[in-house]
């Protein structure tokens, strides 16, 4: 005698028609005796018939890309034998070489290039001659010198502004002293202070 749990395990094969003649007869006798399993078999057969009548739907292209991105990357057998250093380096670089990370880096570079263009910074290709140590040191010294000169000019300009403000204050204080009223005969200022 077939139990309901055994019937559920054999139901898919029964609907597909892949059961042996003896097992198929046991399944059909169980369907005749158990109304719950008979209803389940009828529902499943209806679903399979419906799916067979529905037209094929192509998966969206983004779904295939997502599936491919989520497949774990495995090292080939020859790659594992290269050595511990190569394995360690591969583990260290594997997150960087994921499609998400590469696209993120590409978008960052593109963003900086666009900002540089809008800011008026002229970009040019780096030539091998630009990477010579003497040129790198020369360019660094030039930038440091320009930075130093700019800082000195900024400081000098601050001093100039300070001097101008100081002169204006002296002139304003001189005008206030000239317009102060003369002290009265008791030796007091009209503002209430004593004459000095």
N, C-alpha and C. Protein backbone atom coordinates (compact mmCIF):
# COMPACT_ATOMS: atom_id res chain seq x y z
N UNK A 1 0.85 -1.19 0.00
CA UNK A 1 0.00 0.00 0.00
C UNK A 1 0.89 1.25 0.00
N UNK A 2 0.53 2.26 -0.78
CA UNK A 2 1.30 3.50 -0.95
C UNK A 2 0.79 4.54 0.04
N UNK A 3 1.70 5.23 0.77
CA UNK A 3 1.28 6.29 1.69
C UNK A 3 1.21 7.61 0.93
N UNK A 4 0.58 8.62 1.57
CA UNK A 4 0.44 9.94 0.94
C UNK A 4 1.82 10.58 0.71
N UNK A 5 2.77 10.40 1.66
CA UNK A 5 4.11 10.97 1.50
C UNK A 5 4.82 10.34 0.31
N UNK A 6 4.67 8.99 0.16
CA UNK A 6 5.29 8.33 -1.00
C UNK A 6 4.64 8.79 -2.30
N UNK A 7 3.31 9.02 -2.24
CA UNK A 7 2.59 9.50 -3.43
C UNK A 7 3.12 10.85 -3.88
N UNK A 8 3.36 11.77 -2.90
CA UNK A 8 3.86 13.10 -3.25
C UNK A 8 5.24 13.02 -3.90
N UNK A 9 6.04 12.05 -3.46
CA UNK A 9 7.37 11.90 -4.07
C UNK A 9 7.27 11.39 -5.50
N UNK A 10 6.26 10.58 -5.79
CA UNK A 10 6.12 9.98 -7.13
C UNK A 10 5.22 10.79 -8.06
N UNK A 11 4.59 11.85 -7.55
CA UNK A 11 3.59 12.59 -8.32
C UNK A 11 4.18 13.20 -9.60
N UNK A 12 5.34 13.83 -9.51
CA UNK A 12 5.95 14.47 -10.70
C UNK A 12 6.25 13.43 -11.78
N UNK A 13 6.79 12.29 -11.36
CA UNK A 13 7.08 11.24 -12.35
C UNK A 13 5.79 10.69 -12.95
N UNK A 14 4.72 10.62 -12.14
CA UNK A 14 3.43 10.12 -12.63
C UNK A 14 2.87 11.07 -13.70
N UNK A 15 2.95 12.40 -13.43
CA UNK A 15 2.43 13.38 -14.38
C UNK A 15 3.27 13.35 -15.66
N UNK A 16 4.58 13.19 -15.53
CA UNK A 16 5.46 13.15 -16.71
C UNK A 16 5.34 11.82 -17.46
N UNK A 17 4.78 10.81 -16.81
CA UNK A 17 4.62 9.50 -17.45
C UNK A 17 5.89 8.70 -17.51
N UNK A 18 6.75 8.85 -16.53
CA UNK A 18 8.03 8.14 -16.53
C UNK A 18 8.06 6.99 -15.52
N UNK A 19 6.93 6.67 -14.88
CA UNK A 19 6.90 5.59 -13.89
C UNK A 19 6.83 4.23 -14.59
N UNK A 20 7.33 3.21 -13.91
CA UNK A 20 7.19 1.85 -14.44
C UNK A 20 5.73 1.43 -14.32
N UNK A 21 5.35 0.39 -15.01
CA UNK A 21 3.94 -0.03 -15.04
C UNK A 21 3.45 -0.41 -13.65
N UNK A 22 4.28 -1.11 -12.87
CA UNK A 22 3.87 -1.54 -11.52
C UNK A 22 3.68 -0.34 -10.59
N UNK A 23 4.64 0.61 -10.62
CA UNK A 23 4.56 1.79 -9.75
C UNK A 23 3.40 2.68 -10.19
N UNK A 24 3.19 2.79 -11.49
CA UNK A 24 2.07 3.61 -11.98
C UNK A 24 0.74 3.04 -11.49
N UNK A 25 0.61 1.72 -11.47
CA UNK A 25 -0.64 1.10 -11.01
C UNK A 25 -0.85 1.36 -9.53
N UNK A 26 0.23 1.30 -8.74
CA UNK A 26 0.10 1.58 -7.29
C UNK A 26 -0.31 3.04 -7.07
N UNK A 27 0.26 3.96 -7.85
CA UNK A 27 -0.08 5.39 -7.72
C UNK A 27 -1.54 5.61 -8.09
N UNK A 28 -2.01 4.99 -9.17
CA UNK A 28 -3.40 5.18 -9.60
C UNK A 28 -4.38 4.56 -8.60
N UNK A 29 -4.00 3.45 -7.98
CA UNK A 29 -4.89 2.88 -6.96
C UNK A 29 -4.95 3.77 -5.73
N UNK A 30 -3.82 4.44 -5.39
CA UNK A 30 -3.84 5.38 -4.26
C UNK A 30 -4.71 6.59 -4.59
N UNK A 31 -4.63 7.08 -5.82
CA UNK A 31 -5.47 8.22 -6.24
C UNK A 31 -6.94 7.86 -6.13
N UNK A 32 -7.30 6.61 -6.46
CA UNK A 32 -8.69 6.17 -6.39
C UNK A 32 -9.18 6.08 -4.95
N UNK A 33 -8.29 5.78 -4.00
CA UNK A 33 -8.69 5.60 -2.61
C UNK A 33 -8.60 6.88 -1.78
N UNK A 34 -7.68 7.83 -2.13
CA UNK A 34 -7.45 9.03 -1.30
C UNK A 34 -7.94 10.27 -2.05
N UNK A 35 -9.05 10.90 -1.58
CA UNK A 35 -9.56 12.07 -2.29
C UNK A 35 -8.59 13.28 -2.24
N UNK A 36 -7.85 13.44 -1.14
CA UNK A 36 -6.91 14.58 -1.03
C UNK A 36 -5.80 14.44 -2.07
N UNK A 37 -5.25 13.25 -2.22
CA UNK A 37 -4.18 13.03 -3.20
C UNK A 37 -4.73 13.12 -4.61
N UNK A 38 -6.00 12.70 -4.80
CA UNK A 38 -6.61 12.79 -6.12
C UNK A 38 -6.76 14.25 -6.53
N UNK A 39 -7.17 15.12 -5.59
CA UNK A 39 -7.30 16.55 -5.88
C UNK A 39 -5.93 17.16 -6.18
N UNK A 40 -4.91 16.74 -5.41
CA UNK A 40 -3.56 17.25 -5.63
C UNK A 40 -3.05 16.83 -7.02
N UNK A 41 -3.28 15.58 -7.40
CA UNK A 41 -2.84 15.10 -8.71
C UNK A 41 -3.55 15.84 -9.83
N UNK A 42 -4.84 16.12 -9.64
CA UNK A 42 -5.62 16.85 -10.66
C UNK A 42 -5.11 18.28 -10.81
N UNK A 43 -4.85 18.93 -9.67
CA UNK A 43 -4.33 20.32 -9.71
C UNK A 43 -2.97 20.37 -10.40
N UNK A 44 -2.09 19.44 -10.05
CA UNK A 44 -0.75 19.44 -10.64
C UNK A 44 -0.81 19.17 -12.14
N UNK A 45 -1.68 18.24 -12.54
CA UNK A 45 -1.82 17.94 -13.97
C UNK A 45 -2.36 19.16 -14.71
N UNK A 46 -3.30 19.90 -14.11
CA UNK A 46 -3.84 21.11 -14.72
C UNK A 46 -2.77 22.18 -14.90
N UNK A 47 -1.89 22.33 -13.89
CA UNK A 47 -0.80 23.31 -13.98
C UNK A 47 0.16 22.94 -15.10
N UNK A 48 0.50 21.66 -15.20
CA UNK A 48 1.43 21.22 -16.24
C UNK A 48 0.81 21.44 -17.62
N UNK A 49 -0.50 21.16 -17.77
CA UNK A 49 -1.16 21.40 -19.06
C UNK A 49 -1.19 22.89 -19.40
N UNK A 50 -1.45 23.73 -18.38
CA UNK A 50 -1.47 25.19 -18.61
C UNK A 50 -0.10 25.68 -19.05
N UNK A 51 0.94 25.21 -18.38
CA UNK A 51 2.30 25.64 -18.72
C UNK A 51 2.66 25.19 -20.14
N UNK A 52 2.16 24.02 -20.54
CA UNK A 52 2.43 23.54 -21.89
C UNK A 52 1.76 24.40 -22.95
N UNK A 53 0.62 25.05 -22.62
CA UNK A 53 -0.09 25.87 -23.59
C UNK A 53 0.45 27.31 -23.66
N UNK A 54 1.12 27.77 -22.63
CA UNK A 54 1.62 29.16 -22.58
C UNK A 54 2.84 29.27 -23.49
N UNK A 55 2.93 30.40 -24.20
CA UNK A 55 4.06 30.59 -25.10
C UNK A 55 5.35 30.86 -24.31
N UNK A 56 6.46 30.56 -24.94
CA UNK A 56 7.76 30.74 -24.30
C UNK A 56 8.07 32.22 -24.11
N UNK A 57 8.61 32.56 -22.97
CA UNK A 57 8.99 33.94 -22.67
C UNK A 57 10.51 33.98 -22.56
N UNK A 58 11.10 34.90 -23.30
CA UNK A 58 12.56 35.05 -23.25
C UNK A 58 12.95 35.77 -21.97
N UNK A 59 13.98 35.31 -21.29
CA UNK A 59 14.41 36.00 -20.08
C UNK A 59 14.99 37.36 -20.43
N UNK A 60 14.81 38.34 -19.54
CA UNK A 60 15.40 39.66 -19.82
C UNK A 60 16.93 39.57 -19.82
N UNK A 61 17.58 40.36 -20.65
CA UNK A 61 19.05 40.30 -20.72
C UNK A 61 19.72 40.61 -19.38
N UNK A 62 19.11 41.47 -18.59
CA UNK A 62 19.72 41.83 -17.30
C UNK A 62 19.73 40.63 -16.35
N UNK A 63 18.75 39.74 -16.48
CA UNK A 63 18.70 38.56 -15.60
C UNK A 63 19.88 37.65 -15.88
N UNK A 64 20.22 37.47 -17.13
CA UNK A 64 21.36 36.62 -17.48
C UNK A 64 22.65 37.22 -16.93
N UNK A 65 22.79 38.53 -17.04
CA UNK A 65 23.99 39.19 -16.51
C UNK A 65 24.07 39.03 -15.01
N UNK A 66 22.94 39.20 -14.31
CA UNK A 66 22.94 39.03 -12.85
C UNK A 66 23.31 37.62 -12.46
N UNK A 67 22.78 36.65 -13.18
CA UNK A 67 23.09 35.24 -12.87
C UNK A 67 24.58 35.00 -13.08
N UNK A 68 25.14 35.52 -14.17
CA UNK A 68 26.56 35.32 -14.43
C UNK A 68 27.44 36.01 -13.39
N UNK A 69 27.00 37.15 -12.87
CA UNK A 69 27.77 37.85 -11.85
C UNK A 69 27.75 37.11 -10.53
N UNK A 70 26.70 36.36 -10.26
CA UNK A 70 26.58 35.70 -8.96
C UNK A 70 27.20 34.31 -8.96
N UNK A 71 27.63 33.82 -10.11
CA UNK A 71 28.28 32.52 -10.16
C UNK A 71 29.66 32.67 -9.52
N UNK A 72 29.99 31.82 -8.55
CA UNK A 72 31.31 31.96 -7.92
C UNK A 72 32.43 31.66 -8.91
N UNK A 73 33.49 32.43 -8.79
CA UNK A 73 34.63 32.27 -9.68
C UNK A 73 35.52 31.17 -9.10
N UNK A 74 35.81 30.16 -9.90
CA UNK A 74 36.66 29.06 -9.44
C UNK A 74 37.96 29.08 -10.22
N UNK A 75 39.00 28.79 -9.51
CA UNK A 75 40.31 28.73 -10.15
C UNK A 75 40.41 27.42 -10.93
N UNK A 76 40.97 27.43 -12.14
CA UNK A 76 41.20 26.16 -12.84
C UNK A 76 42.25 25.34 -12.11
N UNK A 77 42.28 24.05 -12.39
CA UNK A 77 43.21 23.14 -11.70
C UNK A 77 44.66 23.57 -11.93
N UNK A 78 44.98 24.03 -13.12
CA UNK A 78 46.35 24.46 -13.41
C UNK A 78 46.68 25.73 -12.63
N UNK A 79 45.70 26.57 -12.41
CA UNK A 79 45.92 27.82 -11.68
C UNK A 79 46.19 27.59 -10.22
N UNK A 80 45.66 26.51 -9.64
CA UNK A 80 45.87 26.22 -8.22
C UNK A 80 47.29 25.76 -7.96
N UNK A 81 47.91 25.19 -8.96
CA UNK A 81 49.25 24.63 -8.77
C UNK A 81 50.34 25.67 -8.95
N UNK A 82 50.00 26.92 -9.23
CA UNK A 82 51.03 27.93 -9.51
C UNK A 82 51.83 28.30 -8.28
N UNK A 83 51.28 28.21 -7.12
CA UNK A 83 52.03 28.52 -5.93
C UNK A 83 51.19 29.31 -4.93
N UNK A 84 51.71 29.39 -3.73
CA UNK A 84 50.99 30.05 -2.66
C UNK A 84 50.89 31.56 -2.89
N UNK A 85 51.98 32.15 -3.41
CA UNK A 85 51.98 33.59 -3.65
C UNK A 85 50.94 33.98 -4.70
N UNK A 86 50.87 33.20 -5.78
CA UNK A 86 49.89 33.48 -6.83
C UNK A 86 48.48 33.29 -6.30
N UNK A 87 48.27 32.27 -5.46
CA UNK A 87 46.95 32.04 -4.88
C UNK A 87 46.56 33.18 -3.96
N UNK A 88 47.51 33.65 -3.14
CA UNK A 88 47.23 34.76 -2.24
C UNK A 88 46.94 36.04 -3.01
N UNK A 89 47.74 36.29 -4.05
CA UNK A 89 47.52 37.46 -4.89
C UNK A 89 46.18 37.39 -5.60
N UNK A 90 45.83 36.19 -6.08
CA UNK A 90 44.53 36.00 -6.74
C UNK A 90 43.37 36.25 -5.79
N UNK A 91 43.49 35.80 -4.54
CA UNK A 91 42.44 36.06 -3.55
C UNK A 91 42.35 37.54 -3.24
N UNK A 92 43.48 38.21 -3.21
CA UNK A 92 43.48 39.62 -2.88
C UNK A 92 42.88 40.45 -4.01
N UNK A 93 43.16 40.06 -5.26
CA UNK A 93 42.67 40.83 -6.40
C UNK A 93 41.29 40.42 -6.87
N UNK A 94 40.78 39.27 -6.43
CA UNK A 94 39.49 38.81 -6.96
C UNK A 94 38.35 39.79 -6.67
N UNK A 95 38.26 40.44 -5.49
CA UNK A 95 37.17 41.42 -5.32
C UNK A 95 37.32 42.63 -6.23
N UNK A 96 38.56 42.99 -6.55
CA UNK A 96 38.80 44.16 -7.40
C UNK A 96 38.41 43.88 -8.84
N UNK A 97 38.56 42.63 -9.26
CA UNK A 97 38.29 42.29 -10.65
C UNK A 97 36.85 41.85 -10.91
N UNK A 98 35.98 42.02 -9.93
CA UNK A 98 34.57 41.72 -10.14
C UNK A 98 33.95 42.77 -11.05
N UNK A 99 32.95 42.41 -11.84
CA UNK A 99 32.36 43.38 -12.78
C UNK A 99 31.84 44.64 -12.11
N UNK A 100 31.26 44.50 -10.92
CA UNK A 100 30.74 45.69 -10.23
C UNK A 100 31.86 46.67 -9.91
N UNK A 101 32.97 46.14 -9.41
CA UNK A 101 34.09 47.00 -9.02
C UNK A 101 34.70 47.66 -10.25
N UNK A 102 34.87 46.90 -11.32
CA UNK A 102 35.46 47.46 -12.55
C UNK A 102 34.57 48.56 -13.11
N UNK A 103 33.25 48.34 -13.13
CA UNK A 103 32.33 49.36 -13.62
C UNK A 103 32.35 50.59 -12.71
N UNK A 104 32.45 50.37 -11.41
CA UNK A 104 32.53 51.50 -10.47
C UNK A 104 33.77 52.33 -10.71
N UNK A 105 34.91 51.65 -10.93
CA UNK A 105 36.15 52.40 -11.20
C UNK A 105 36.04 53.15 -12.52
N UNK A 106 35.45 52.51 -13.53
CA UNK A 106 35.30 53.18 -14.83
C UNK A 106 34.41 54.42 -14.70
N UNK A 107 33.33 54.32 -13.94
CA UNK A 107 32.44 55.46 -13.75
C UNK A 107 33.15 56.57 -12.97
N UNK A 108 33.98 56.21 -12.00
CA UNK A 108 34.72 57.21 -11.24
C UNK A 108 35.69 57.96 -12.15
N UNK A 109 36.41 57.23 -12.97
CA UNK A 109 37.35 57.87 -13.90
C UNK A 109 36.61 58.78 -14.87
N UNK A 110 35.48 58.30 -15.37
CA UNK A 110 34.67 59.12 -16.28
C UNK A 110 34.17 60.39 -15.59
N UNK A 111 33.73 60.26 -14.35
CA UNK A 111 33.25 61.44 -13.60
C UNK A 111 34.36 62.46 -13.41
N UNK A 112 35.56 61.98 -13.02
CA UNK A 112 36.67 62.91 -12.83
C UNK A 112 37.07 63.56 -14.16
N UNK A 113 37.01 62.81 -15.24
CA UNK A 113 37.34 63.38 -16.54
C UNK A 113 36.35 64.47 -16.92
N UNK A 114 35.06 64.23 -16.66
CA UNK A 114 34.05 65.24 -16.97
C UNK A 114 34.23 66.48 -16.09
N UNK A 115 34.49 66.28 -14.79
CA UNK A 115 34.72 67.43 -13.91
C UNK A 115 35.95 68.22 -14.34
N UNK A 116 37.00 67.51 -14.74
CA UNK A 116 38.21 68.19 -15.21
C UNK A 116 37.95 69.01 -16.46
N UNK A 117 37.16 68.46 -17.36
CA UNK A 117 36.84 69.19 -18.59
C UNK A 117 36.02 70.44 -18.28
N UNK A 118 35.03 70.30 -17.37
CA UNK A 118 34.20 71.47 -17.02
C UNK A 118 35.01 72.51 -16.26
N UNK A 119 35.99 72.07 -15.47
CA UNK A 119 36.82 73.00 -14.71
C UNK A 119 37.90 73.63 -15.58
N UNK A 120 38.07 73.15 -16.78
CA UNK A 120 39.06 73.73 -17.68
C UNK A 120 40.44 73.12 -17.55
N UNK A 121 40.53 71.99 -16.87
CA UNK A 121 41.82 71.32 -16.72
C UNK A 121 42.07 70.52 -18.00
N UNK A 122 43.22 70.78 -18.59
CA UNK A 122 43.52 70.11 -19.85
C UNK A 122 44.14 68.75 -19.56
N UNK A 123 43.52 67.71 -20.07
CA UNK A 123 44.04 66.36 -19.88
C UNK A 123 44.83 65.95 -21.11
N UNK A 124 45.91 65.24 -20.89
CA UNK A 124 46.69 64.76 -22.02
C UNK A 124 47.19 63.36 -21.68
N UNK A 125 47.61 62.68 -22.70
CA UNK A 125 48.10 61.32 -22.51
C UNK A 125 49.46 61.37 -21.82
N UNK A 126 49.69 60.43 -20.93
CA UNK A 126 50.99 60.32 -20.28
C UNK A 126 51.91 59.54 -21.20
N UNK A 127 53.08 60.11 -21.43
CA UNK A 127 54.08 59.47 -22.28
C UNK A 127 55.12 58.81 -21.39
N UNK A 128 55.83 57.84 -21.90
CA UNK A 128 56.89 57.20 -21.09
C UNK A 128 57.93 58.21 -20.61
N UNK A 129 58.18 59.24 -21.38
CA UNK A 129 59.17 60.25 -20.97
C UNK A 129 58.70 61.00 -19.73
N UNK A 130 57.36 61.11 -19.54
CA UNK A 130 56.84 61.81 -18.37
C UNK A 130 57.08 61.03 -17.08
N UNK A 131 57.37 59.74 -17.18
CA UNK A 131 57.54 58.91 -16.01
C UNK A 131 59.00 58.73 -15.61
N UNK A 132 59.91 59.42 -16.30
CA UNK A 132 61.32 59.35 -15.92
C UNK A 132 61.51 60.02 -14.57
N UNK A 133 62.32 59.44 -13.70
CA UNK A 133 62.47 60.00 -12.35
C UNK A 133 62.91 61.47 -12.34
N UNK A 134 63.80 61.86 -13.25
CA UNK A 134 64.25 63.25 -13.29
C UNK A 134 63.09 64.19 -13.61
N UNK A 135 62.24 63.79 -14.55
CA UNK A 135 61.09 64.64 -14.91
C UNK A 135 60.09 64.72 -13.77
N UNK A 136 59.87 63.59 -13.09
CA UNK A 136 58.92 63.58 -11.98
C UNK A 136 59.42 64.50 -10.86
N UNK A 137 60.70 64.42 -10.55
CA UNK A 137 61.28 65.27 -9.49
C UNK A 137 61.21 66.73 -9.91
N UNK A 138 61.53 67.01 -11.16
CA UNK A 138 61.50 68.39 -11.66
C UNK A 138 60.07 68.96 -11.57
N UNK A 139 59.10 68.16 -11.99
CA UNK A 139 57.71 68.63 -11.94
C UNK A 139 57.26 68.84 -10.50
N UNK A 140 57.68 67.96 -9.59
CA UNK A 140 57.31 68.11 -8.18
C UNK A 140 57.94 69.36 -7.59
N UNK A 141 59.23 69.59 -7.88
CA UNK A 141 59.90 70.80 -7.38
C UNK A 141 59.24 72.06 -7.95
N UNK A 142 58.86 72.03 -9.22
CA UNK A 142 58.20 73.17 -9.84
C UNK A 142 56.88 73.47 -9.13
N UNK A 143 56.12 72.42 -8.86
CA UNK A 143 54.82 72.63 -8.18
C UNK A 143 55.03 73.15 -6.77
N UNK A 144 56.03 72.60 -6.05
CA UNK A 144 56.30 73.08 -4.69
C UNK A 144 56.75 74.54 -4.71
N UNK A 145 57.58 74.90 -5.69
CA UNK A 145 58.02 76.29 -5.80
C UNK A 145 56.84 77.22 -6.07
N UNK A 146 55.99 76.81 -7.00
CA UNK A 146 54.81 77.64 -7.30
C UNK A 146 53.90 77.76 -6.07
N UNK A 147 53.76 76.68 -5.32
CA UNK A 147 52.95 76.72 -4.11
C UNK A 147 53.56 77.66 -3.08
N UNK A 148 54.89 77.61 -2.93
CA UNK A 148 55.58 78.49 -1.99
C UNK A 148 55.43 79.96 -2.40
N UNK A 149 55.63 80.25 -3.67
CA UNK A 149 55.50 81.63 -4.16
C UNK A 149 54.07 82.12 -3.96
N UNK A 150 53.11 81.26 -4.24
CA UNK A 150 51.71 81.65 -4.04
C UNK A 150 51.40 81.94 -2.59
N UNK A 151 51.95 81.12 -1.67
CA UNK A 151 51.72 81.35 -0.24
C UNK A 151 52.37 82.66 0.21
N UNK A 152 53.59 82.94 -0.28
CA UNK A 152 54.26 84.19 0.08
C UNK A 152 53.47 85.39 -0.43
N UNK A 153 53.01 85.33 -1.67
CA UNK A 153 52.23 86.44 -2.22
C UNK A 153 50.93 86.62 -1.42
N UNK A 154 50.33 85.53 -1.03
CA UNK A 154 49.10 85.62 -0.24
C UNK A 154 49.39 86.30 1.09
N UNK A 155 50.50 85.91 1.74
CA UNK A 155 50.86 86.52 3.00
C UNK A 155 51.17 88.00 2.83
N UNK A 156 51.91 88.33 1.79
CA UNK A 156 52.23 89.74 1.54
C UNK A 156 50.95 90.54 1.29
N UNK A 157 50.04 89.98 0.57
CA UNK A 157 48.78 90.67 0.31
C UNK A 157 47.99 90.84 1.60
N UNK A 158 48.07 89.87 2.49
CA UNK A 158 47.39 90.03 3.78
C UNK A 158 48.01 91.19 4.54
N UNK A 159 49.33 91.30 4.49
CA UNK A 159 50.01 92.39 5.18
C UNK A 159 49.61 93.74 4.57
N UNK A 160 49.50 93.79 3.25
CA UNK A 160 49.09 95.02 2.58
C UNK A 160 47.68 95.42 3.04
N UNK A 161 46.79 94.45 3.11
CA UNK A 161 45.43 94.73 3.57
C UNK A 161 45.46 95.22 5.01
N UNK A 162 46.29 94.59 5.83
CA UNK A 162 46.41 95.01 7.23
C UNK A 162 46.92 96.44 7.33
N UNK A 163 47.91 96.76 6.54
CA UNK A 163 48.46 98.12 6.56
C UNK A 163 47.41 99.14 6.13
N UNK A 164 46.66 98.83 5.10
CA UNK A 164 45.62 99.76 4.63
C UNK A 164 44.57 99.96 5.72
N UNK A 165 44.17 98.87 6.36
CA UNK A 165 43.16 98.99 7.43
C UNK A 165 43.72 99.82 8.59
N UNK A 166 44.98 99.61 8.92
CA UNK A 166 45.60 100.37 10.01
C UNK A 166 45.63 101.86 9.68
N UNK A 167 45.99 102.20 8.45
CA UNK A 167 46.02 103.62 8.04
C UNK A 167 44.62 104.23 8.08
N UNK A 168 43.66 103.50 7.63
CA UNK A 168 42.28 104.01 7.66
C UNK A 168 41.81 104.24 9.10
N UNK A 169 42.18 103.32 10.00
CA UNK A 169 41.81 103.50 11.41
C UNK A 169 42.48 104.74 12.00
N UNK A 170 43.75 104.94 11.66
CA UNK A 170 44.46 106.12 12.17
C UNK A 170 43.81 107.39 11.66
N UNK A 171 43.43 107.38 10.39
CA UNK A 171 42.79 108.57 9.83
C UNK A 171 41.43 108.81 10.49
N UNK A 172 40.68 107.75 10.71
CA UNK A 172 39.36 107.90 11.32
C UNK A 172 39.49 108.36 12.76
N UNK A 173 40.45 107.82 13.51
CA UNK A 173 40.66 108.25 14.90
C UNK A 173 41.10 109.71 14.95
N UNK A 174 41.92 110.16 13.99
CA UNK A 174 42.37 111.55 13.94
C UNK A 174 41.20 112.49 13.69
N UNK A 175 40.26 112.09 12.85
CA UNK A 175 39.08 112.93 12.58
C UNK A 175 38.20 113.01 13.81
N UNK A 176 38.08 111.93 14.57
CA UNK A 176 37.23 111.95 15.78
C UNK A 176 37.84 112.87 16.83
N UNK A 177 39.15 112.86 16.95
CA UNK A 177 39.79 113.72 17.95
C UNK A 177 39.62 115.19 17.57
N UNK A 178 39.62 115.51 16.28
CA UNK A 178 39.45 116.90 15.85
C UNK A 178 38.03 117.37 16.09
N UNK A 179 37.06 116.51 16.00
CA UNK A 179 35.66 116.92 16.14
C UNK A 179 35.17 116.85 17.57
N UNK A 180 35.99 116.41 18.56
CA UNK A 180 35.54 116.38 19.95
C UNK A 180 35.38 117.81 20.47
N UNK A 181 34.32 118.08 21.25
CA UNK A 181 34.14 119.44 21.80
C UNK A 181 35.20 119.76 22.86
N UNK A 182 35.46 121.02 23.02
CA UNK A 182 36.47 121.47 24.00
C UNK A 182 35.94 121.27 25.41
N UNK A 183 36.83 120.99 26.40
CA UNK A 183 36.37 120.80 27.78
C UNK A 183 35.84 122.11 28.37
N UNK A 184 34.88 122.00 29.27
CA UNK A 184 34.31 123.20 29.89
C UNK A 184 35.24 123.73 30.97
N UNK A 185 34.86 124.81 31.63
CA UNK A 185 35.74 125.49 32.58
C UNK A 185 35.99 124.67 33.82
N UNK A 186 35.14 123.70 34.17
CA UNK A 186 35.34 122.89 35.36
C UNK A 186 36.36 121.78 35.12
N UNK A 187 36.82 121.66 33.91
CA UNK A 187 37.83 120.66 33.60
C UNK A 187 37.23 119.31 33.23
N UNK A 188 35.96 119.31 32.91
CA UNK A 188 35.32 118.04 32.55
C UNK A 188 34.92 118.07 31.09
N UNK A 189 35.04 116.92 30.50
CA UNK A 189 34.59 116.74 29.13
C UNK A 189 33.06 116.72 29.12
N UNK A 190 32.44 117.15 28.05
CA UNK A 190 30.99 117.09 28.01
C UNK A 190 30.48 115.65 28.09
N UNK A 191 31.34 114.70 27.79
CA UNK A 191 30.90 113.30 27.84
C UNK A 191 30.95 112.79 29.26
N UNK A 192 31.44 113.52 30.20
CA UNK A 192 31.45 113.10 31.59
C UNK A 192 32.80 112.70 32.10
N UNK A 193 33.83 112.74 31.28
CA UNK A 193 35.17 112.34 31.71
C UNK A 193 35.95 113.54 32.16
N UNK A 194 37.03 113.34 32.91
CA UNK A 194 37.90 114.44 33.36
C UNK A 194 38.91 114.76 32.32
N UNK A 195 39.35 116.01 32.36
CA UNK A 195 40.37 116.46 31.39
C UNK A 195 41.70 115.88 31.81
N UNK A 196 42.44 115.45 30.83
CA UNK A 196 43.71 114.83 31.13
C UNK A 196 44.86 115.76 30.89
